[in-house]
Amino acid sequence: MTLIEIREMDDTSKSFVGTCTHVNDTPKFLSRHEIDFAAKKRICWLQGLYDKGVRTKVAYINHEPVGFIHLIPIEICPWGPIGKDLLVIPCLVVLSKVRKRGIGRKLIASAEEEALRQGSKGLVTIGYYHIYWFMPAAFFEKCGFEVVKRRNNEAILWKVYDQSVTEPELLTPNYNYKENKDRVTIDLFWNTFCPTSYIEAQRVREVAEEFGDKVLLNEYCADDRDILLRYQIDRGIFINGKEIWYGHEAPKEGIRKAIYEALKD
């Protein structure tokens, strides 16, 4: 029988969590330097908010970390949704080699225990109805979560402990491009919690610098609650008002190409 153990993130699991499990490998779209640098920033962000209720639970099999779940009070979560008195699960990850062993369900159970310990009125997450591995809504429904609101393929799902809680809302982007006739304008929305967003933001900065005064870079960090509530965008790159999106981290060549095209307009 496989023994699954759930522990709080500590020094032995920081690298696993911070790198999003990419401890010793370098994925196709990333460099080792990018992974490690973003991981340090992520861990610092998580630990800095411990006193405000941010937690990461790590699953182990035979003392090896194989998955984790993040828990962030909704009032400070840079990913949304927007609401009060709930604990958000922004990310749950289990290594593919150990899936179908009940690890995800054990991580959810640990999240429920933490929510009750903190006096939260419920757990909430954003799930997706798609074919990809990330945060599948169907999994959360199997774990007893109910759909609160749905927009296209994304949905808010929750498990409530106190019926007086108010339903949370999905982020509704509030972005308006302000034209600058003299320079190409880049509006960069990012957050420290997600390594993909952090790495992407650094790439945008580096490419923008190549163009000198031909480019105006505006940054909006969703770590700042006022910024998130005002624009309701946790991650995004807009060049002269047009969003560029890859799913994975935007490649430098893609950012560069979009700026060149904007310069031609």
C-alpha atoms as a PDB file:
ATOM      1  CA  MET A   1       0.000   0.000   0.000  1.00  0.00           C
ATOM      2  CA  THR A   2       1.273   3.455  -0.944  1.00  0.00           C
ATOM      3  CA  LEU A   3       1.661   5.730   2.060  1.00  0.00           C
ATOM      4  CA  ILE A   4       0.795   9.317   1.179  1.00  0.00           C
ATOM      5  CA  GLU A   5       1.854  11.957   3.677  1.00  0.00           C
ATOM      6  CA  ILE A   6       0.779  15.623   3.632  1.00  0.00           C
ATOM      7  CA  ARG A   7       3.072  18.189   5.254  1.00  0.00           C
ATOM      8  CA  GLU A   8       3.473  21.932   5.414  1.00  0.00           C
ATOM      9  CA  MET A   9       6.001  23.337   2.953  1.00  0.00           C
ATOM     10  CA  ASP A  10       9.416  23.512   4.602  1.00  0.00           C
ATOM     11  CA  ASP A  11      13.064  23.829   3.610  1.00  0.00           C
ATOM     12  CA  THR A  12      13.058  20.314   2.139  1.00  0.00           C
ATOM     13  CA  SER A  13      10.211  21.100  -0.278  1.00  0.00           C
ATOM     14  CA  LYS A  14      10.781  24.781  -1.117  1.00  0.00           C
ATOM     15  CA  SER A  15      12.638  24.008  -4.318  1.00  0.00           C
ATOM     16  CA  PHE A  16       9.945  21.543  -5.433  1.00  0.00           C
ATOM     17  CA  VAL A  17       7.174  24.063  -4.796  1.00  0.00           C
ATOM     18  CA  GLY A  18       8.999  27.161  -5.988  1.00  0.00           C
ATOM     19  CA  THR A  19       9.992  25.646  -9.320  1.00  0.00           C
ATOM     20  CA  CYS A  20       6.529  24.144  -9.872  1.00  0.00           C
ATOM     21  CA  THR A  21       8.158  20.672  -9.661  1.00  0.00           C
ATOM     22  CA  HIS A  22      10.877  21.542 -12.231  1.00  0.00           C
ATOM     23  CA  VAL A  23      13.627  20.993  -9.661  1.00  0.00           C
ATOM     24  CA  ASN A  24      16.246  19.394 -11.906  1.00  0.00           C
ATOM     25  CA  ASP A  25      14.825  19.736 -15.391  1.00  0.00           C
ATOM     26  CA  THR A  26      14.566  22.585 -17.876  1.00  0.00           C
ATOM     27  CA  PRO A  27      11.261  22.611 -19.793  1.00  0.00           C
ATOM     28  CA  LYS A  28      11.148  23.468 -23.478  1.00  0.00           C
ATOM     29  CA  PHE A  29      10.220  27.140 -23.075  1.00  0.00           C
ATOM     30  CA  LEU A  30      12.389  27.982 -20.051  1.00  0.00           C
ATOM     31  CA  SER A  31      16.007  28.341 -18.999  1.00  0.00           C
ATOM     32  CA  ARG A  32      17.392  26.981 -15.749  1.00  0.00           C
ATOM     33  CA  HIS A  33      18.236  30.511 -14.602  1.00  0.00           C
ATOM     34  CA  GLU A  34      14.669  31.695 -15.194  1.00  0.00           C
ATOM     35  CA  ILE A  35      13.187  28.781 -13.261  1.00  0.00           C
ATOM     36  CA  ASP A  36      15.457  29.205 -10.243  1.00  0.00           C
ATOM     37  CA  PHE A  37      15.155  32.981 -10.071  1.00  0.00           C
ATOM     38  CA  ALA A  38      11.351  32.948 -10.292  1.00  0.00           C
ATOM     39  CA  ALA A  39      11.242  30.142  -7.694  1.00  0.00           C
ATOM     40  CA  LYS A  40      13.113  32.250  -5.150  1.00  0.00           C
ATOM     41  CA  LYS A  41      10.718  35.147  -5.705  1.00  0.00           C
ATOM     42  CA  ARG A  42       7.693  32.868  -5.371  1.00  0.00           C
ATOM     43  CA  ILE A  43       8.862  31.285  -2.132  1.00  0.00           C
ATOM     44  CA  CYS A  44       9.705  34.688  -0.673  1.00  0.00           C
ATOM     45  CA  TRP A  45       6.197  35.903  -1.587  1.00  0.00           C
ATOM     46  CA  LEU A  46       4.525  32.847  -0.050  1.00  0.00           C
ATOM     47  CA  GLN A  47       6.534  32.971   3.154  1.00  0.00           C
ATOM     48  CA  GLY A  48       6.069  36.720   3.488  1.00  0.00           C
ATOM     49  CA  LEU A  49       2.306  36.237   3.678  1.00  0.00           C
ATOM     50  CA  TYR A  50       2.284  33.307   6.105  1.00  0.00           C
ATOM     51  CA  ASP A  51       0.978  35.490   8.936  1.00  0.00           C
ATOM     52  CA  LYS A  52      -1.962  36.446   6.706  1.00  0.00           C
ATOM     53  CA  GLY A  53      -3.005  32.841   6.185  1.00  0.00           C
ATOM     54  CA  VAL A  54      -1.124  31.792   3.048  1.00  0.00           C
ATOM     55  CA  ARG A  55      -0.240  28.101   3.189  1.00  0.00           C
ATOM     56  CA  THR A  56       1.235  25.431   0.931  1.00  0.00           C
ATOM     57  CA  LYS A  57       0.638  21.756   1.657  1.00  0.00           C
ATOM     58  CA  VAL A  58       3.012  19.232   0.094  1.00  0.00           C
ATOM     59  CA  ALA A  59       2.248  15.574  -0.639  1.00  0.00           C
ATOM     60  CA  TYR A  60       4.978  12.963  -0.136  1.00  0.00           C
ATOM     61  CA  ILE A  61       5.401   9.337  -1.111  1.00  0.00           C
ATOM     62  CA  ASN A  62       8.363   7.625   0.564  1.00  0.00           C
ATOM     63  CA  HIS A  63       9.656  11.037   1.671  1.00  0.00           C
ATOM     64  CA  GLU A  64       9.690  12.311  -1.907  1.00  0.00           C
ATOM     65  CA  PRO A  65       7.530  15.376  -2.719  1.00  0.00           C
ATOM     66  CA  VAL A  66       5.055  14.496  -5.460  1.00  0.00           C
ATOM     67  CA  GLY A  67       2.439  17.257  -5.345  1.00  0.00           C
ATOM     68  CA  PHE A  68       1.293  20.417  -3.614  1.00  0.00           C
ATOM     69  CA  ILE A  69      -1.670  22.706  -3.070  1.00  0.00           C
ATOM     70  CA  HIS A  70      -1.614  26.454  -2.398  1.00  0.00           C
ATOM     71  CA  LEU A  71      -4.126  28.182  -0.115  1.00  0.00           C
ATOM     72  CA  ILE A  72      -4.533  31.961  -0.129  1.00  0.00           C
ATOM     73  CA  PRO A  73      -7.185  34.096   1.591  1.00  0.00           C
ATOM     74  CA  ILE A  74      -9.392  35.505  -1.148  1.00  0.00           C
ATOM     75  CA  GLU A  75      -8.819  39.069   0.081  1.00  0.00           C
ATOM     76  CA  ILE A  76      -5.143  38.904  -0.968  1.00  0.00           C
ATOM     77  CA  CYS A  77      -5.136  36.320  -3.775  1.00  0.00           C
ATOM     78  CA  PRO A  78      -3.580  37.863  -6.934  1.00  0.00           C
ATOM     79  CA  TRP A  79      -5.411  35.406  -9.186  1.00  0.00           C
ATOM     80  CA  GLY A  80      -8.968  36.024  -8.103  1.00  0.00           C
ATOM     81  CA  PRO A  81     -11.784  35.341  -7.764  1.00  0.00           C
ATOM     82  CA  ILE A  82     -12.995  38.404  -5.882  1.00  0.00           C
ATOM     83  CA  GLY A  83     -14.857  37.966  -2.612  1.00  0.00           C
ATOM     84  CA  LYS A  84     -14.615  37.701   1.171  1.00  0.00           C
ATOM     85  CA  ASP A  85     -14.183  35.118   3.926  1.00  0.00           C
ATOM     86  CA  LEU A  86     -13.017  32.305   1.670  1.00  0.00           C
ATOM     87  CA  LEU A  87      -9.751  30.430   1.199  1.00  0.00           C
ATOM     88  CA  VAL A  88      -8.678  30.172  -2.449  1.00  0.00           C
ATOM     89  CA  ILE A  89      -6.994  27.181  -4.056  1.00  0.00           C
ATOM     90  CA  PRO A  90      -5.169  28.917  -6.928  1.00  0.00           C
ATOM     91  CA  CYS A  91      -3.074  25.907  -7.852  1.00  0.00           C
ATOM     92  CA  LEU A  92      -3.005  22.157  -7.201  1.00  0.00           C
ATOM     93  CA  VAL A  93      -0.273  20.043  -8.807  1.00  0.00           C
ATOM     94  CA  VAL A  94       0.431  16.311  -8.754  1.00  0.00           C
ATOM     95  CA  LEU A  95       3.290  14.737 -10.700  1.00  0.00           C
ATOM     96  CA  SER A  96       2.039  12.746 -13.682  1.00  0.00           C
ATOM     97  CA  LYS A  97       3.952   9.636 -12.617  1.00  0.00           C
ATOM     98  CA  VAL A  98       1.855   9.298  -9.447  1.00  0.00           C
ATOM     99  CA  ARG A  99      -1.582  10.376 -10.610  1.00  0.00           C
ATOM    100  CA  LYS A 100      -4.655   8.219 -10.015  1.00  0.00           C
ATOM    101  CA  ARG A 101      -3.466   7.334  -6.508  1.00  0.00           C
ATOM    102  CA  GLY A 102      -5.720   9.687  -4.556  1.00  0.00           C
ATOM    103  CA  ILE A 103      -3.042  12.306  -3.907  1.00  0.00           C
ATOM    104  CA  GLY A 104      -5.167  15.167  -5.194  1.00  0.00           C
ATOM    105  CA  ARG A 105      -8.041  14.186  -2.910  1.00  0.00           C
ATOM    106  CA  LYS A 106      -5.713  14.040   0.101  1.00  0.00           C
ATOM    107  CA  LEU A 107      -4.425  17.514  -0.714  1.00  0.00           C
ATOM    108  CA  ILE A 108      -8.026  18.746  -0.925  1.00  0.00           C
ATOM    109  CA  ALA A 109      -8.751  17.159   2.459  1.00  0.00           C
ATOM    110  CA  SER A 110      -5.757  18.979   3.950  1.00  0.00           C
ATOM    111  CA  ALA A 111      -7.055  22.214   2.416  1.00  0.00           C
ATOM    112  CA  GLU A 112     -10.440  21.678   4.085  1.00  0.00           C
ATOM    113  CA  GLU A 113      -8.755  21.158   7.433  1.00  0.00           C
ATOM    114  CA  GLU A 114      -6.785  24.375   6.973  1.00  0.00           C
ATOM    115  CA  ALA A 115      -9.864  26.352   5.943  1.00  0.00           C
ATOM    116  CA  LEU A 116     -11.713  25.227   9.068  1.00  0.00           C
ATOM    117  CA  ARG A 117      -8.661  25.921  11.224  1.00  0.00           C
ATOM    118  CA  GLN A 118      -8.499  29.485   9.899  1.00  0.00           C
ATOM    119  CA  GLY A 119     -12.226  30.024  10.339  1.00  0.00           C
ATOM    120  CA  SER A 120     -12.880  30.516   6.625  1.00  0.00           C
ATOM    121  CA  LYS A 121     -16.456  30.163   5.442  1.00  0.00           C
ATOM    122  CA  GLY A 122     -15.415  27.884   2.626  1.00  0.00           C
ATOM    123  CA  LEU A 123     -12.929  26.841  -0.039  1.00  0.00           C
ATOM    124  CA  VAL A 124     -13.060  28.261  -3.551  1.00  0.00           C
ATOM    125  CA  THR A 125     -11.150  27.746  -6.768  1.00  0.00           C
ATOM    126  CA  ILE A 126     -11.172  28.529 -10.471  1.00  0.00           C
ATOM    127  CA  GLY A 127     -11.531  25.334 -12.490  1.00  0.00           C
ATOM    128  CA  TYR A 128     -11.494  24.758 -16.231  1.00  0.00           C
ATOM    129  CA  TYR A 129     -13.511  22.585 -18.572  1.00  0.00           C
ATOM    130  CA  HIS A 130     -10.738  21.705 -21.012  1.00  0.00           C
ATOM    131  CA  ILE A 131      -8.529  18.804 -22.052  1.00  0.00           C
ATOM    132  CA  TYR A 132      -5.440  20.056 -20.243  1.00  0.00           C
ATOM    133  CA  TRP A 133      -4.141  18.984 -16.841  1.00  0.00           C
ATOM    134  CA  PHE A 134      -4.318  22.346 -15.102  1.00  0.00           C
ATOM    135  CA  MET A 135      -7.092  22.731 -12.497  1.00  0.00           C
ATOM    136  CA  PRO A 136      -9.764  20.571 -14.172  1.00  0.00           C
ATOM    137  CA  ALA A 137     -13.222  21.576 -12.961  1.00  0.00           C
ATOM    138  CA  ALA A 138     -14.446  17.977 -13.170  1.00  0.00           C
ATOM    139  CA  PHE A 139     -11.916  16.919 -10.530  1.00  0.00           C
ATOM    140  CA  PHE A 140     -13.133  19.518  -8.053  1.00  0.00           C
ATOM    141  CA  GLU A 141     -16.736  18.501  -8.694  1.00  0.00           C
ATOM    142  CA  LYS A 142     -15.769  14.906  -7.828  1.00  0.00           C
ATOM    143  CA  CYS A 143     -14.326  16.263  -4.578  1.00  0.00           C
ATOM    144  CA  GLY A 144     -17.673  17.795  -3.631  1.00  0.00           C
ATOM    145  CA  PHE A 145     -17.220  21.322  -4.983  1.00  0.00           C
ATOM    146  CA  GLU A 146     -20.208  23.035  -6.574  1.00  0.00           C
ATOM    147  CA  VAL A 147     -20.167  25.419  -9.524  1.00  0.00           C
ATOM    148  CA  VAL A 148     -20.985  28.976  -8.480  1.00  0.00           C
ATOM    149  CA  LYS A 149     -20.536  30.777 -11.785  1.00  0.00           C
ATOM    150  CA  ARG A 150     -19.297  29.729 -15.197  1.00  0.00           C
ATOM    151  CA  ARG A 151     -17.930  31.778 -18.109  1.00  0.00           C
ATOM    152  CA  ASN A 152     -17.074  29.816 -21.229  1.00  0.00           C
ATOM    153  CA  ASN A 153     -14.598  27.129 -20.114  1.00  0.00           C
ATOM    154  CA  GLU A 154     -13.777  28.568 -16.695  1.00  0.00           C
ATOM    155  CA  ALA A 155     -15.851  28.364 -13.542  1.00  0.00           C
ATOM    156  CA  ILE A 156     -15.809  29.288  -9.888  1.00  0.00           C
ATOM    157  CA  LEU A 157     -16.299  26.193  -7.731  1.00  0.00           C
ATOM    158  CA  TRP A 158     -16.636  26.129  -3.989  1.00  0.00           C
ATOM    159  CA  LYS A 159     -17.279  24.054  -0.898  1.00  0.00           C
ATOM    160  CA  VAL A 160     -19.099  26.085   1.758  1.00  0.00           C
ATOM    161  CA  TYR A 161     -19.033  25.702   5.560  1.00  0.00           C
ATOM    162  CA  ASP A 162     -21.056  28.803   6.433  1.00  0.00           C
ATOM    163  CA  GLN A 163     -24.152  29.599   4.363  1.00  0.00           C
ATOM    164  CA  SER A 164     -23.886  33.316   5.193  1.00  0.00           C
ATOM    165  CA  VAL A 165     -20.917  33.660   2.822  1.00  0.00           C
ATOM    166  CA  THR A 166     -21.399  35.836  -0.268  1.00  0.00           C
ATOM    167  CA  GLU A 167     -20.809  34.295  -3.689  1.00  0.00           C
ATOM    168  CA  PRO A 168     -17.454  35.355  -5.190  1.00  0.00           C
ATOM    169  CA  GLU A 169     -17.088  36.885  -8.653  1.00  0.00           C
ATOM    170  CA  LEU A 170     -14.834  36.042 -11.570  1.00  0.00           C
ATOM    171  CA  LEU A 171     -12.331  38.674 -12.583  1.00  0.00           C
ATOM    172  CA  THR A 172     -13.817  40.950 -15.261  1.00  0.00           C
ATOM    173  CA  PRO A 173     -10.960  42.645 -17.163  1.00  0.00           C
ATOM    174  CA  ASN A 174     -11.155  46.427 -17.157  1.00  0.00           C
ATOM    175  CA  TYR A 175      -8.413  47.444 -19.567  1.00  0.00           C
ATOM    176  CA  ASN A 176      -8.475  50.408 -21.919  1.00  0.00           C
ATOM    177  CA  TYR A 177      -5.554  51.187 -24.179  1.00  0.00           C
ATOM    178  CA  LYS A 178      -4.313  54.764 -24.071  1.00  0.00           C
ATOM    179  CA  GLU A 179      -2.691  55.624 -27.385  1.00  0.00           C
ATOM    180  CA  ASN A 180       0.764  57.177 -27.452  1.00  0.00           C
ATOM    181  CA  LYS A 181       1.576  58.521 -30.927  1.00  0.00           C
ATOM    182  CA  ASP A 182       5.285  58.837 -30.188  1.00  0.00           C
ATOM    183  CA  ARG A 183       6.056  55.392 -28.768  1.00  0.00           C
ATOM    184  CA  VAL A 184       4.846  51.816 -28.809  1.00  0.00           C
ATOM    185  CA  THR A 185       3.003  51.188 -25.562  1.00  0.00           C
ATOM    186  CA  ILE A 186       3.379  47.929 -23.654  1.00  0.00           C
ATOM    187  CA  ASP A 187       0.925  47.360 -20.809  1.00  0.00           C
ATOM    188  CA  LEU A 188       2.265  44.505 -18.702  1.00  0.00           C
ATOM    189  CA  PHE A 189       0.100  42.782 -16.079  1.00  0.00           C
ATOM    190  CA  TRP A 190       1.889  40.283 -13.846  1.00  0.00           C
ATOM    191  CA  ASN A 191       2.116  38.711 -10.398  1.00  0.00           C
ATOM    192  CA  THR A 192       4.863  37.171  -8.261  1.00  0.00           C
ATOM    193  CA  PHE A 193       2.871  34.098  -7.209  1.00  0.00           C
ATOM    194  CA  CYS A 194       2.891  32.453 -10.649  1.00  0.00           C
ATOM    195  CA  PRO A 195       6.401  31.682 -11.988  1.00  0.00           C
ATOM    196  CA  THR A 196       5.059  31.749 -15.546  1.00  0.00           C
ATOM    197  CA  SER A 197       3.836  35.302 -15.055  1.00  0.00           C
ATOM    198  CA  TYR A 198       7.008  36.420 -13.287  1.00  0.00           C
ATOM    199  CA  ILE A 199       9.313  34.959 -15.962  1.00  0.00           C
ATOM    200  CA  GLU A 200       7.174  36.406 -18.726  1.00  0.00           C
ATOM    201  CA  ALA A 201       7.312  39.863 -17.128  1.00  0.00           C
ATOM    202  CA  GLN A 202      11.095  39.788 -16.917  1.00  0.00           C
ATOM    203  CA  ARG A 203      11.328  38.833 -20.598  1.00  0.00           C
ATOM    204  CA  VAL A 204       9.087  41.753 -21.526  1.00  0.00           C
ATOM    205  CA  ARG A 205      11.311  44.151 -19.581  1.00  0.00           C
ATOM    206  CA  GLU A 206      14.469  42.876 -21.249  1.00  0.00           C
ATOM    207  CA  VAL A 207      13.026  43.053 -24.765  1.00  0.00           C
ATOM    208  CA  ALA A 208      11.496  46.482 -24.184  1.00  0.00           C
ATOM    209  CA  GLU A 209      14.894  47.771 -23.110  1.00  0.00           C
ATOM    210  CA  GLU A 210      16.329  46.737 -26.490  1.00  0.00           C
ATOM    211  CA  PHE A 211      14.101  49.338 -28.175  1.00  0.00           C
ATOM    212  CA  GLY A 212      15.090  52.222 -25.905  1.00  0.00           C
ATOM    213  CA  ASP A 213      12.860  55.280 -26.085  1.00  0.00           C
ATOM    214  CA  LYS A 214      10.784  53.783 -28.913  1.00  0.00           C
ATOM    215  CA  VAL A 215       8.827  51.841 -26.297  1.00  0.00           C
ATOM    216  CA  LEU A 216       6.836  52.902 -23.251  1.00  0.00           C
ATOM    217  CA  LEU A 217       6.456  50.109 -20.693  1.00  0.00           C
ATOM    218  CA  ASN A 218       3.657  50.367 -18.124  1.00  0.00           C
ATOM    219  CA  GLU A 219       3.618  47.719 -15.384  1.00  0.00           C
ATOM    220  CA  TYR A 220       0.632  46.634 -13.295  1.00  0.00           C
ATOM    221  CA  CYS A 221       1.396  44.109 -10.553  1.00  0.00           C
ATOM    222  CA  ALA A 222      -1.595  42.120  -9.284  1.00  0.00           C
ATOM    223  CA  ASP A 223       0.201  41.635  -5.953  1.00  0.00           C
ATOM    224  CA  ASP A 224      -1.093  45.144  -5.258  1.00  0.00           C
ATOM    225  CA  ARG A 225      -4.741  44.633  -4.313  1.00  0.00           C
ATOM    226  CA  ASP A 226      -5.786  48.057  -5.582  1.00  0.00           C
ATOM    227  CA  ILE A 227      -4.250  47.267  -8.978  1.00  0.00           C
ATOM    228  CA  LEU A 228      -6.000  43.901  -9.180  1.00  0.00           C
ATOM    229  CA  LEU A 229      -9.389  45.316  -8.232  1.00  0.00           C
ATOM    230  CA  ARG A 230      -9.041  48.215 -10.651  1.00  0.00           C
ATOM    231  CA  TYR A 231      -7.974  46.281 -13.752  1.00  0.00           C
ATOM    232  CA  GLN A 232      -8.984  42.715 -12.783  1.00  0.00           C
ATOM    233  CA  ILE A 233      -6.169  41.207 -14.841  1.00  0.00           C
ATOM    234  CA  ASP A 234      -3.687  38.897 -13.127  1.00  0.00           C
ATOM    235  CA  ARG A 235      -1.497  38.262 -16.160  1.00  0.00           C
ATOM    236  CA  GLY A 236      -1.352  39.813 -19.617  1.00  0.00           C
ATOM    237  CA  ILE A 237       0.786  41.558 -22.228  1.00  0.00           C
ATOM    238  CA  PHE A 238      -0.777  44.240 -24.404  1.00  0.00           C
ATOM    239  CA  ILE A 239       1.201  45.945 -27.158  1.00  0.00           C
ATOM    240  CA  ASN A 240      -0.575  49.022 -28.473  1.00  0.00           C
ATOM    241  CA  GLY A 241      -3.735  47.552 -27.016  1.00  0.00           C
ATOM    242  CA  LYS A 242      -3.398  44.126 -28.672  1.00  0.00           C
ATOM    243  CA  GLU A 243      -2.883  41.181 -26.366  1.00  0.00           C
ATOM    244  CA  ILE A 244      -0.202  38.620 -27.114  1.00  0.00           C
ATOM    245  CA  TRP A 245      -0.748  35.226 -25.499  1.00  0.00           C
ATOM    246  CA  TYR A 246       0.974  31.860 -25.695  1.00  0.00           C
ATOM    247  CA  GLY A 247      -0.335  29.981 -22.659  1.00  0.00           C
ATOM    248  CA  HIS A 248       3.231  29.206 -21.667  1.00  0.00           C
ATOM    249  CA  GLU A 249       5.715  32.014 -21.037  1.00  0.00           C
ATOM    250  CA  ALA A 250       5.753  34.507 -23.919  1.00  0.00           C
ATOM    251  CA  PRO A 251       9.002  33.926 -25.870  1.00  0.00           C
ATOM    252  CA  LYS A 252      11.325  36.858 -26.377  1.00  0.00           C
ATOM    253  CA  GLU A 253      11.148  36.472 -30.143  1.00  0.00           C
ATOM    254  CA  GLY A 254       7.371  36.691 -29.979  1.00  0.00           C
ATOM    255  CA  ILE A 255       7.471  39.837 -27.854  1.00  0.00           C
ATOM    256  CA  ARG A 256      10.105  41.342 -30.139  1.00  0.00           C
ATOM    257  CA  LYS A 257       8.100  40.534 -33.263  1.00  0.00           C
ATOM    258  CA  ALA A 258       4.961  42.142 -31.829  1.00  0.00           C
ATOM    259  CA  ILE A 259       6.885  45.328 -31.030  1.00  0.00           C
ATOM    260  CA  TYR A 260       8.369  45.471 -34.546  1.00  0.00           C
ATOM    261  CA  GLU A 261       4.898  45.085 -36.046  1.00  0.00           C
ATOM    262  CA  ALA A 262       3.571  47.843 -33.812  1.00  0.00           C
ATOM    263  CA  LEU A 263       6.403  50.138 -34.921  1.00  0.00           C
ATOM    264  CA  LYS A 264       5.343  49.633 -38.543  1.00  0.00           C
ATOM    265  CA  ASP A 265       1.722  50.666 -37.922  1.00  0.00           C
END
